[in-house]
């Protein structure tokens, strides 16, 4: 009985995780995000891909965040 309960709980956890990942993928696609990494700063500055640290510093400053 206990092994069956454990297996059921494990499967439910896997199903929940799958649904959560699918939701995030769908949200990203609706927002036009097609790759990782993808960065969004203050909901108005976005860029994708690996970037040099200076790009991040410039983006933060543009967003009014002083480092």
Protein backbone atom coordinates (compact mmCIF):
# COMPACT_ATOMS: atom_id res chain seq x y z
CA UNK A 1 0.00 0.00 0.00
CA UNK A 2 2.71 2.51 0.96
CA UNK A 3 4.71 1.94 -2.25
CA UNK A 4 1.55 2.63 -4.28
CA UNK A 5 0.92 5.86 -2.37
CA UNK A 6 4.51 6.94 -2.90
CA UNK A 7 4.32 6.17 -6.62
CA UNK A 8 1.02 8.06 -6.96
CA UNK A 9 2.44 11.08 -5.12
CA UNK A 10 5.57 10.98 -7.26
CA UNK A 11 3.51 10.90 -10.46
CA UNK A 12 1.32 13.78 -9.26
CA UNK A 13 4.45 15.82 -8.55
CA UNK A 14 5.80 15.07 -12.02
CA UNK A 15 2.46 16.01 -13.60
CA UNK A 16 2.33 19.28 -11.64
CA UNK A 17 5.89 20.16 -12.63
CA UNK A 18 5.14 19.39 -16.28
CA UNK A 19 2.04 21.61 -16.23
CA UNK A 20 4.00 24.40 -14.57
CA UNK A 21 6.76 24.23 -17.20
CA UNK A 22 4.20 24.13 -20.02
CA UNK A 23 2.51 27.22 -18.59
CA UNK A 24 5.83 29.11 -18.48
CA UNK A 25 6.64 28.06 -22.07
CA UNK A 26 3.21 29.21 -23.28
CA UNK A 27 3.53 32.55 -21.47
CA UNK A 28 6.98 33.13 -22.93
CA UNK A 29 5.82 32.32 -26.45
CA UNK A 30 2.86 34.71 -26.12
CA UNK A 31 5.33 37.43 -25.10
CA UNK A 32 7.53 36.71 -28.11
CA UNK A 33 10.36 35.13 -26.14
CA UNK A 34 11.95 32.39 -28.19
CA UNK A 35 15.27 31.68 -26.51
CA UNK A 36 17.22 31.62 -23.30
CA UNK A 37 18.69 33.38 -21.57
CA UNK A 38 16.20 36.23 -21.83
CA UNK A 39 16.38 39.26 -19.57
CA UNK A 40 13.69 41.81 -18.74
CA UNK A 41 14.44 44.88 -16.65
CA UNK A 42 11.55 46.93 -15.24
CA UNK A 43 9.21 45.46 -17.87
CA UNK A 44 10.56 47.78 -20.58
CA UNK A 45 14.13 46.75 -21.40
CA UNK A 46 14.63 43.28 -22.84
CA UNK A 47 17.43 41.37 -24.49
CA UNK A 48 18.27 37.76 -25.19
CA UNK A 49 21.43 35.76 -25.29
CA UNK A 50 24.70 35.95 -23.42
CA UNK A 51 25.82 39.55 -22.93
CA UNK A 52 28.89 41.30 -21.61
CA UNK A 53 28.52 42.74 -18.11
CA UNK A 54 28.73 46.27 -19.52
CA UNK A 55 25.49 45.66 -21.44
CA UNK A 56 23.76 44.85 -18.15
CA UNK A 57 25.20 47.94 -16.47
CA UNK A 58 24.01 50.16 -19.33
CA UNK A 59 20.56 48.56 -19.25
CA UNK A 60 20.24 49.05 -15.49
CA UNK A 61 21.30 52.69 -15.79
CA UNK A 62 18.83 53.25 -18.62
CA UNK A 63 16.14 51.80 -16.37
CA UNK A 64 17.11 54.25 -13.62
CA UNK A 65 18.88 51.69 -11.46
CA UNK A 66 22.24 53.02 -10.32
CA UNK A 67 24.90 50.49 -9.48
